[in-house]
Amino acid sequence: MSDITSKPRTKVRVKTERPKLHKVILVNDDYTPREFVVTVLKAEFRMNEDQAYRVMITAHKRGVCVVAVYTKDVAETKATRATDAGRAKGYPLMFTTEPEE
């Protein structure tokens, strides 16, 4: 008899890491009309009228409000497009992004 011991074969599974998520944040200002903010939220973030109004009011009362959470590229694109929509009309509307913890 031989002293050969065979090891069981194991498959190595590579775990793919989920992409880091980023929050899109609406920053309140005292100049952009509420109706315009609601319009931008509906257009860029696909919110209905009630959702957009609640987000706008929360930002108005607290100074900022998390609008949505996306992967970094999507969050930055949406924040830039929403901010640019305000700038195009001459408003200081601002959306920022930050990593979700």
N, C-alpha and C. Protein backbone atom coordinates (compact mmCIF):
# COMPACT_ATOMS: atom_id res chain seq x y z
N MET A 1 0.82 -1.18 0.00
CA MET A 1 0.00 0.00 0.00
C MET A 1 0.87 1.25 0.00
N SER A 2 0.32 2.24 -0.63
CA SER A 2 1.08 3.49 -0.71
C SER A 2 0.56 4.47 0.34
N ASP A 3 1.42 5.37 0.71
CA ASP A 3 1.07 6.39 1.72
C ASP A 3 0.61 7.70 1.08
N ILE A 4 0.08 7.60 -0.10
CA ILE A 4 -0.36 8.80 -0.80
C ILE A 4 -1.75 9.19 -0.26
N THR A 5 -1.83 10.38 0.22
CA THR A 5 -3.13 10.88 0.68
C THR A 5 -3.58 11.94 -0.30
N SER A 6 -4.78 11.83 -0.69
CA SER A 6 -5.29 12.82 -1.64
C SER A 6 -6.08 13.89 -0.90
N LYS A 7 -5.83 15.12 -1.29
CA LYS A 7 -6.55 16.24 -0.70
C LYS A 7 -7.83 16.46 -1.49
N PRO A 8 -8.87 16.80 -0.81
CA PRO A 8 -10.10 17.08 -1.54
C PRO A 8 -9.92 18.34 -2.39
N ARG A 9 -10.49 18.32 -3.54
CA ARG A 9 -10.40 19.49 -4.43
C ARG A 9 -11.39 20.54 -3.95
N THR A 10 -10.93 21.75 -3.85
CA THR A 10 -11.80 22.85 -3.45
C THR A 10 -11.82 23.89 -4.56
N LYS A 11 -12.97 24.41 -4.78
CA LYS A 11 -13.10 25.46 -5.77
C LYS A 11 -12.99 26.81 -5.07
N VAL A 12 -12.23 27.67 -5.66
CA VAL A 12 -12.07 29.02 -5.11
C VAL A 12 -13.08 29.92 -5.82
N ARG A 13 -13.94 30.49 -5.04
CA ARG A 13 -14.92 31.43 -5.59
C ARG A 13 -14.47 32.85 -5.33
N VAL A 14 -14.39 33.60 -6.38
CA VAL A 14 -13.99 35.00 -6.26
C VAL A 14 -15.23 35.81 -5.93
N LYS A 15 -15.15 36.51 -4.83
CA LYS A 15 -16.28 37.37 -4.44
C LYS A 15 -16.08 38.73 -5.07
N THR A 16 -17.09 39.14 -5.81
CA THR A 16 -17.02 40.49 -6.38
C THR A 16 -17.58 41.46 -5.36
N GLU A 17 -16.83 42.51 -5.17
CA GLU A 17 -17.23 43.52 -4.18
C GLU A 17 -18.28 44.44 -4.79
N ARG A 18 -19.31 44.72 -4.01
CA ARG A 18 -20.34 45.65 -4.47
C ARG A 18 -19.75 47.05 -4.56
N PRO A 19 -20.20 47.82 -5.54
CA PRO A 19 -19.68 49.19 -5.65
C PRO A 19 -20.11 50.04 -4.47
N LYS A 20 -19.25 50.95 -4.11
CA LYS A 20 -19.57 51.87 -3.01
C LYS A 20 -20.70 52.79 -3.44
N LEU A 21 -21.62 53.05 -2.53
CA LEU A 21 -22.76 53.91 -2.83
C LEU A 21 -22.51 55.34 -2.36
N HIS A 22 -23.13 56.27 -3.06
CA HIS A 22 -23.01 57.69 -2.72
C HIS A 22 -24.40 58.32 -2.62
N LYS A 23 -24.53 59.23 -1.66
CA LYS A 23 -25.79 59.95 -1.46
C LYS A 23 -25.79 61.21 -2.31
N VAL A 24 -26.93 61.50 -2.90
CA VAL A 24 -27.13 62.79 -3.58
C VAL A 24 -27.87 63.66 -2.58
N ILE A 25 -27.32 64.84 -2.31
CA ILE A 25 -27.86 65.72 -1.27
C ILE A 25 -28.30 67.05 -1.88
N LEU A 26 -29.53 67.44 -1.56
CA LEU A 26 -30.05 68.75 -1.95
C LEU A 26 -29.71 69.74 -0.86
N VAL A 27 -29.04 70.84 -1.25
CA VAL A 27 -28.66 71.89 -0.30
C VAL A 27 -29.65 73.04 -0.45
N ASN A 28 -30.22 73.47 0.66
CA ASN A 28 -31.21 74.56 0.64
C ASN A 28 -30.56 75.90 0.32
N ASP A 29 -31.29 76.72 -0.40
CA ASP A 29 -30.91 78.11 -0.60
C ASP A 29 -32.19 78.95 -0.49
N ASP A 30 -32.03 80.24 -0.31
CA ASP A 30 -33.20 81.10 -0.10
C ASP A 30 -33.68 81.79 -1.38
N TYR A 31 -33.16 81.37 -2.54
CA TYR A 31 -33.49 82.07 -3.77
C TYR A 31 -34.20 81.22 -4.82
N THR A 32 -33.91 79.94 -4.88
CA THR A 32 -34.53 79.09 -5.89
C THR A 32 -35.99 78.85 -5.52
N PRO A 33 -36.92 79.12 -6.43
CA PRO A 33 -38.34 78.90 -6.13
C PRO A 33 -38.64 77.43 -5.83
N ARG A 34 -39.52 77.22 -4.89
CA ARG A 34 -39.89 75.86 -4.48
C ARG A 34 -40.41 75.04 -5.65
N GLU A 35 -41.22 75.67 -6.48
CA GLU A 35 -41.81 74.95 -7.62
C GLU A 35 -40.73 74.46 -8.58
N PHE A 36 -39.69 75.27 -8.75
CA PHE A 36 -38.60 74.86 -9.64
C PHE A 36 -37.84 73.67 -9.06
N VAL A 37 -37.59 73.69 -7.76
CA VAL A 37 -36.90 72.58 -7.10
C VAL A 37 -37.71 71.29 -7.29
N VAL A 38 -39.00 71.37 -7.09
CA VAL A 38 -39.88 70.21 -7.26
C VAL A 38 -39.81 69.71 -8.70
N THR A 39 -39.81 70.62 -9.66
CA THR A 39 -39.72 70.24 -11.07
C THR A 39 -38.43 69.50 -11.37
N VAL A 40 -37.31 69.99 -10.83
CA VAL A 40 -36.01 69.35 -11.06
C VAL A 40 -35.99 67.97 -10.41
N LEU A 41 -36.51 67.86 -9.19
CA LEU A 41 -36.53 66.56 -8.51
C LEU A 41 -37.37 65.54 -9.29
N LYS A 42 -38.48 65.98 -9.82
CA LYS A 42 -39.34 65.09 -10.60
C LYS A 42 -38.63 64.66 -11.89
N ALA A 43 -37.98 65.60 -12.55
CA ALA A 43 -37.36 65.31 -13.85
C ALA A 43 -36.10 64.45 -13.70
N GLU A 44 -35.21 64.84 -12.81
CA GLU A 44 -33.91 64.16 -12.72
C GLU A 44 -33.94 62.90 -11.86
N PHE A 45 -34.78 62.90 -10.83
CA PHE A 45 -34.78 61.77 -9.90
C PHE A 45 -36.06 60.93 -9.99
N ARG A 46 -36.88 61.23 -10.98
CA ARG A 46 -38.10 60.47 -11.27
C ARG A 46 -39.01 60.32 -10.05
N MET A 47 -39.18 61.41 -9.33
CA MET A 47 -40.07 61.41 -8.17
C MET A 47 -41.46 61.86 -8.61
N ASN A 48 -42.46 61.45 -7.83
CA ASN A 48 -43.79 62.00 -8.10
C ASN A 48 -43.90 63.34 -7.37
N GLU A 49 -45.01 64.02 -7.55
CA GLU A 49 -45.20 65.36 -6.98
C GLU A 49 -45.04 65.36 -5.46
N ASP A 50 -45.66 64.39 -4.77
CA ASP A 50 -45.61 64.33 -3.30
C ASP A 50 -44.20 64.07 -2.79
N GLN A 51 -43.51 63.12 -3.41
CA GLN A 51 -42.15 62.80 -2.99
C GLN A 51 -41.24 64.02 -3.16
N ALA A 52 -41.33 64.66 -4.32
CA ALA A 52 -40.48 65.81 -4.61
C ALA A 52 -40.76 66.95 -3.62
N TYR A 53 -42.03 67.17 -3.32
CA TYR A 53 -42.40 68.24 -2.39
C TYR A 53 -41.84 67.94 -0.99
N ARG A 54 -41.95 66.70 -0.54
CA ARG A 54 -41.43 66.33 0.79
C ARG A 54 -39.92 66.52 0.88
N VAL A 55 -39.19 66.12 -0.17
CA VAL A 55 -37.74 66.29 -0.18
C VAL A 55 -37.40 67.78 -0.14
N MET A 56 -38.09 68.58 -0.94
CA MET A 56 -37.83 70.02 -0.98
C MET A 56 -38.09 70.67 0.38
N ILE A 57 -39.21 70.32 1.01
CA ILE A 57 -39.55 70.89 2.33
C ILE A 57 -38.55 70.46 3.40
N THR A 58 -38.12 69.21 3.35
CA THR A 58 -37.13 68.73 4.32
C THR A 58 -35.83 69.51 4.17
N ALA A 59 -35.37 69.72 2.94
CA ALA A 59 -34.15 70.51 2.71
C ALA A 59 -34.36 71.95 3.19
N HIS A 60 -35.55 72.49 2.97
CA HIS A 60 -35.85 73.85 3.39
C HIS A 60 -35.79 73.99 4.91
N LYS A 61 -36.34 73.02 5.62
CA LYS A 61 -36.39 73.08 7.09
C LYS A 61 -35.05 72.73 7.74
N ARG A 62 -34.35 71.75 7.19
CA ARG A 62 -33.12 71.25 7.83
C ARG A 62 -31.84 71.77 7.21
N GLY A 63 -31.95 72.39 6.05
CA GLY A 63 -30.76 72.90 5.38
C GLY A 63 -30.25 71.97 4.28
N VAL A 64 -30.41 70.67 4.47
CA VAL A 64 -30.02 69.67 3.46
C VAL A 64 -30.98 68.49 3.55
N CYS A 65 -31.02 67.71 2.48
CA CYS A 65 -31.84 66.50 2.47
C CYS A 65 -31.23 65.49 1.50
N VAL A 66 -31.14 64.23 1.93
CA VAL A 66 -30.68 63.18 1.02
C VAL A 66 -31.80 62.91 0.03
N VAL A 67 -31.48 63.02 -1.25
CA VAL A 67 -32.46 62.83 -2.31
C VAL A 67 -32.54 61.36 -2.70
N ALA A 68 -31.37 60.75 -2.92
CA ALA A 68 -31.32 59.35 -3.36
C ALA A 68 -29.92 58.81 -3.14
N VAL A 69 -29.77 57.50 -3.30
CA VAL A 69 -28.48 56.84 -3.16
C VAL A 69 -28.22 56.02 -4.42
N TYR A 70 -27.04 56.23 -5.01
CA TYR A 70 -26.66 55.55 -6.25
C TYR A 70 -25.19 55.16 -6.17
N THR A 71 -24.73 54.46 -7.22
CA THR A 71 -23.29 54.25 -7.35
C THR A 71 -22.64 55.61 -7.60
N LYS A 72 -21.35 55.70 -7.38
CA LYS A 72 -20.66 56.99 -7.44
C LYS A 72 -20.88 57.72 -8.77
N ASP A 73 -20.69 57.03 -9.89
CA ASP A 73 -20.83 57.68 -11.20
C ASP A 73 -22.23 58.21 -11.43
N VAL A 74 -23.23 57.41 -11.10
CA VAL A 74 -24.63 57.83 -11.31
C VAL A 74 -24.96 59.01 -10.39
N ALA A 75 -24.54 58.93 -9.12
CA ALA A 75 -24.81 60.00 -8.16
C ALA A 75 -24.20 61.32 -8.64
N GLU A 76 -22.95 61.27 -9.07
CA GLU A 76 -22.28 62.50 -9.50
C GLU A 76 -22.93 63.07 -10.77
N THR A 77 -23.33 62.20 -11.68
CA THR A 77 -23.97 62.66 -12.91
C THR A 77 -25.30 63.33 -12.60
N LYS A 78 -26.12 62.69 -11.77
CA LYS A 78 -27.44 63.25 -11.44
C LYS A 78 -27.29 64.57 -10.67
N ALA A 79 -26.36 64.63 -9.73
CA ALA A 79 -26.15 65.86 -8.96
C ALA A 79 -25.70 66.99 -9.88
N THR A 80 -24.81 66.70 -10.81
CA THR A 80 -24.32 67.72 -11.74
C THR A 80 -25.43 68.20 -12.66
N ARG A 81 -26.20 67.26 -13.20
CA ARG A 81 -27.28 67.65 -14.11
C ARG A 81 -28.35 68.48 -13.40
N ALA A 82 -28.67 68.11 -12.16
CA ALA A 82 -29.68 68.86 -11.40
C ALA A 82 -29.17 70.26 -11.05
N THR A 83 -27.91 70.35 -10.65
CA THR A 83 -27.31 71.65 -10.34
C THR A 83 -27.25 72.52 -11.60
N ASP A 84 -26.87 71.91 -12.72
CA ASP A 84 -26.79 72.66 -13.98
C ASP A 84 -28.16 73.17 -14.43
N ALA A 85 -29.22 72.41 -14.14
CA ALA A 85 -30.58 72.86 -14.49
C ALA A 85 -30.90 74.16 -13.77
N GLY A 86 -30.50 74.26 -12.51
CA GLY A 86 -30.72 75.50 -11.76
C GLY A 86 -29.88 76.63 -12.28
N ARG A 87 -28.62 76.34 -12.57
CA ARG A 87 -27.71 77.38 -13.09
C ARG A 87 -28.22 77.92 -14.43
N ALA A 88 -28.78 77.05 -15.26
CA ALA A 88 -29.29 77.47 -16.57
C ALA A 88 -30.42 78.49 -16.42
N LYS A 89 -31.16 78.43 -15.31
CA LYS A 89 -32.25 79.38 -15.07
C LYS A 89 -31.80 80.54 -14.18
N GLY A 90 -30.52 80.54 -13.79
CA GLY A 90 -29.99 81.63 -12.97
C GLY A 90 -30.19 81.45 -11.47
N TYR A 91 -30.47 80.22 -11.03
CA TYR A 91 -30.69 79.95 -9.60
C TYR A 91 -29.46 79.29 -8.99
N PRO A 92 -29.24 79.53 -7.69
CA PRO A 92 -28.10 78.91 -7.01
C PRO A 92 -28.39 77.49 -6.50
N LEU A 93 -29.32 76.80 -7.13
CA LEU A 93 -29.68 75.44 -6.74
C LEU A 93 -28.43 74.56 -6.73
N MET A 94 -28.25 73.77 -5.64
CA MET A 94 -27.04 72.97 -5.55
C MET A 94 -27.34 71.57 -5.00
N PHE A 95 -26.82 70.59 -5.70
CA PHE A 95 -26.85 69.20 -5.27
C PHE A 95 -25.40 68.75 -5.11
N THR A 96 -25.12 68.01 -4.04
CA THR A 96 -23.77 67.49 -3.82
C THR A 96 -23.85 65.98 -3.65
N THR A 97 -22.70 65.33 -3.59
CA THR A 97 -22.66 63.89 -3.31
C THR A 97 -21.67 63.64 -2.19
N GLU A 98 -21.89 62.55 -1.48
CA GLU A 98 -20.92 62.11 -0.49
C GLU A 98 -21.08 60.59 -0.32
N PRO A 99 -19.99 59.92 0.07
CA PRO A 99 -20.07 58.47 0.23
C PRO A 99 -21.04 58.08 1.33
N GLU A 100 -21.74 56.99 1.12
CA GLU A 100 -22.64 56.47 2.16
C GLU A 100 -21.81 55.61 3.09
N GLU A 101 -22.06 55.74 4.37
CA GLU A 101 -21.26 54.99 5.34
C GLU A 101 -21.85 53.64 5.63
